[in-house]
Amino acid sequence: MLAYGGEVREDGGDIRVIPRDGVRRRFHAVIGARRLHLTMDSDGFAAERPICVSRGLDRFSFVLEDRALRPHEASLVIEGLPPGAYTITDGGAPRQFRAIAGRPVKVPLTVGNGRVVSVGATVGRSQHDH
């Protein structure tokens, strides 16, 4: 495994990447022919905290760093998820969205109070998509 601008290691079936590129707004994972792209429109992935991705690139989690120092909404653009229904949580109520092959999905995230927020943006297929 190789990480450009970060440190990577495998932990069980997951891949953990600590981004160290300075900006920490974009993350790209390539495993064989599969690709996953995560892009934040503001804020970023927390310093020295891992982005965890499944080998199937169908679920991930990370900690979001609040850079506005006030409550606000940020957007995460996700590309490359297998088609289907997904659930995302960011400390609030879980929300559903659908991934369509070849199309990016823009998901709103709630950020607040100048703290590092655990965006349990654990994205996984919902029960009816298995």
Protein backbone atom coordinates (compact mmCIF):
# COMPACT_ATOMS: atom_id res chain seq x y z
CA MET A 1 0.00 0.00 0.00
CA LEU A 2 1.10 3.51 -0.74
CA ALA A 3 -0.18 6.94 0.34
CA TYR A 4 0.86 10.17 -1.35
CA GLY A 5 0.79 13.00 1.19
CA GLY A 6 -0.02 10.73 4.11
CA GLU A 7 0.66 7.64 6.15
CA VAL A 8 -1.22 4.40 5.42
CA ARG A 9 -1.68 1.12 7.24
CA GLU A 10 -4.08 -1.80 7.17
CA ASP A 11 -6.11 -2.58 10.26
CA GLY A 12 -8.20 -5.75 9.92
CA GLY A 13 -10.23 -5.34 6.74
CA ASP A 14 -9.97 -1.55 6.79
CA ILE A 15 -7.38 0.85 5.45
CA ARG A 16 -6.39 3.79 7.66
CA VAL A 17 -4.81 6.88 6.12
CA ILE A 18 -3.56 9.87 8.09
CA PRO A 19 -3.52 12.81 5.64
CA ARG A 20 -0.45 14.99 5.89
CA ASP A 21 -0.72 17.18 2.81
CA GLY A 22 -1.39 20.39 4.76
CA VAL A 23 -4.83 21.25 3.33
CA ARG A 24 -6.62 17.94 4.08
CA ARG A 25 -9.76 18.69 2.03
CA ARG A 26 -9.49 15.89 -0.54
CA PHE A 27 -9.02 12.14 -0.22
CA HIS A 28 -8.70 9.64 -3.06
CA ALA A 29 -8.49 5.87 -2.66
CA VAL A 30 -7.64 3.52 -5.52
CA ILE A 31 -7.85 -0.24 -5.03
CA GLY A 32 -7.53 -2.12 -8.32
CA ALA A 33 -10.15 -0.72 -10.68
CA ARG A 34 -12.21 0.77 -7.81
CA ARG A 35 -11.94 4.44 -6.87
CA LEU A 36 -13.37 6.54 -4.05
CA HIS A 37 -13.08 10.34 -3.99
CA LEU A 38 -14.04 12.53 -0.99
CA THR A 39 -13.92 16.33 -1.29
CA MET A 40 -14.83 18.87 1.40
CA ASP A 41 -16.04 22.31 0.21
CA SER A 42 -14.86 23.90 3.47
CA ASP A 43 -13.32 22.65 6.70
CA GLY A 44 -11.20 19.51 6.27
CA PHE A 45 -10.15 16.14 7.60
CA ALA A 46 -8.73 16.47 11.13
CA ALA A 47 -4.96 16.65 11.55
CA GLU A 48 -3.33 13.39 12.63
CA ARG A 49 -6.66 11.53 12.68
CA PRO A 50 -7.17 8.63 10.26
CA ILE A 51 -9.61 8.37 7.40
CA CYS A 52 -10.79 4.75 7.59
CA VAL A 53 -11.97 3.04 4.40
CA SER A 54 -13.18 -0.51 3.77
CA ARG A 55 -11.36 -2.53 1.11
CA GLY A 56 -14.61 -2.59 -0.90
CA LEU A 57 -14.71 1.23 -0.78
CA ASP A 58 -18.37 1.02 0.26
CA ARG A 59 -17.97 2.49 3.76
CA PHE A 60 -15.67 5.02 5.41
CA SER A 61 -15.31 7.22 8.46
CA PHE A 62 -13.28 10.28 9.43
CA VAL A 63 -13.13 13.15 11.91
CA LEU A 64 -14.03 16.57 10.52
CA GLU A 65 -12.06 19.63 11.60
CA ASP A 66 -14.16 22.78 12.04
CA ARG A 67 -12.23 25.66 10.47
CA ALA A 68 -14.96 28.31 10.61
CA LEU A 69 -15.02 28.27 14.44
CA ARG A 70 -18.81 28.66 14.49
CA PRO A 71 -21.79 26.36 13.84
CA HIS A 72 -22.38 25.89 10.14
CA GLU A 73 -23.05 23.38 7.39
CA ALA A 74 -20.33 21.97 5.14
CA SER A 75 -20.68 19.79 2.06
CA LEU A 76 -18.95 16.53 1.32
CA VAL A 77 -18.84 15.42 -2.32
CA ILE A 78 -18.53 11.66 -2.69
CA GLU A 79 -17.67 9.89 -5.94
CA GLY A 80 -17.11 6.22 -6.60
CA LEU A 81 -19.48 4.51 -4.16
CA PRO A 82 -21.14 1.35 -5.50
CA PRO A 83 -24.75 2.17 -6.52
CA GLY A 84 -27.31 1.86 -3.73
CA ALA A 85 -28.79 3.46 -0.62
CA TYR A 86 -26.45 4.70 2.11
CA THR A 87 -26.71 6.14 5.61
CA ILE A 88 -24.49 8.95 6.84
CA THR A 89 -24.21 10.24 10.43
CA ASP A 90 -22.39 13.34 11.62
CA GLY A 91 -23.35 13.42 15.28
CA GLY A 92 -26.99 14.18 14.48
CA ALA A 93 -29.77 11.98 13.18
CA PRO A 94 -28.69 9.51 10.47
CA ARG A 95 -29.64 10.57 6.94
CA GLN A 96 -30.15 8.48 3.81
CA PHE A 97 -28.86 9.16 0.32
CA ARG A 98 -28.49 7.19 -2.90
CA ALA A 99 -25.34 6.66 -4.92
CA ILE A 100 -25.73 6.34 -8.67
CA ALA A 101 -22.90 4.90 -10.77
CA GLY A 102 -20.70 7.58 -12.33
CA ARG A 103 -22.37 10.50 -10.54
CA PRO A 104 -21.05 12.49 -7.58
CA VAL A 105 -23.24 12.87 -4.48
CA LYS A 106 -23.20 16.08 -2.43
CA VAL A 107 -23.99 15.41 1.24
CA PRO A 108 -24.50 18.19 3.84
CA LEU A 109 -22.64 17.82 7.16
CA THR A 110 -23.36 19.69 10.40
CA VAL A 111 -20.29 21.28 11.97
CA GLY A 112 -20.08 23.47 15.04
CA ASN A 113 -18.46 25.32 17.90
CA GLY A 114 -14.81 25.28 16.84
CA ARG A 115 -14.27 21.71 17.95
CA VAL A 116 -13.22 18.65 16.10
CA VAL A 117 -16.48 16.90 15.31
CA SER A 118 -16.57 13.15 14.90
CA VAL A 119 -18.36 12.77 11.62
CA GLY A 120 -19.20 9.13 11.97
CA ALA A 121 -19.64 9.51 8.25
CA THR A 122 -19.69 5.79 8.32
CA VAL A 123 -21.23 5.13 4.99
CA GLY A 124 -22.55 1.63 4.43
CA ARG A 125 -25.24 0.10 2.30
CA SER A 126 -28.63 -0.03 3.94
CA GLN A 127 -30.21 -3.41 4.69
CA HIS A 128 -32.45 -3.53 1.60
CA ASP A 129 -29.49 -3.13 -0.79
CA HIS A 130 -27.69 -6.35 0.26
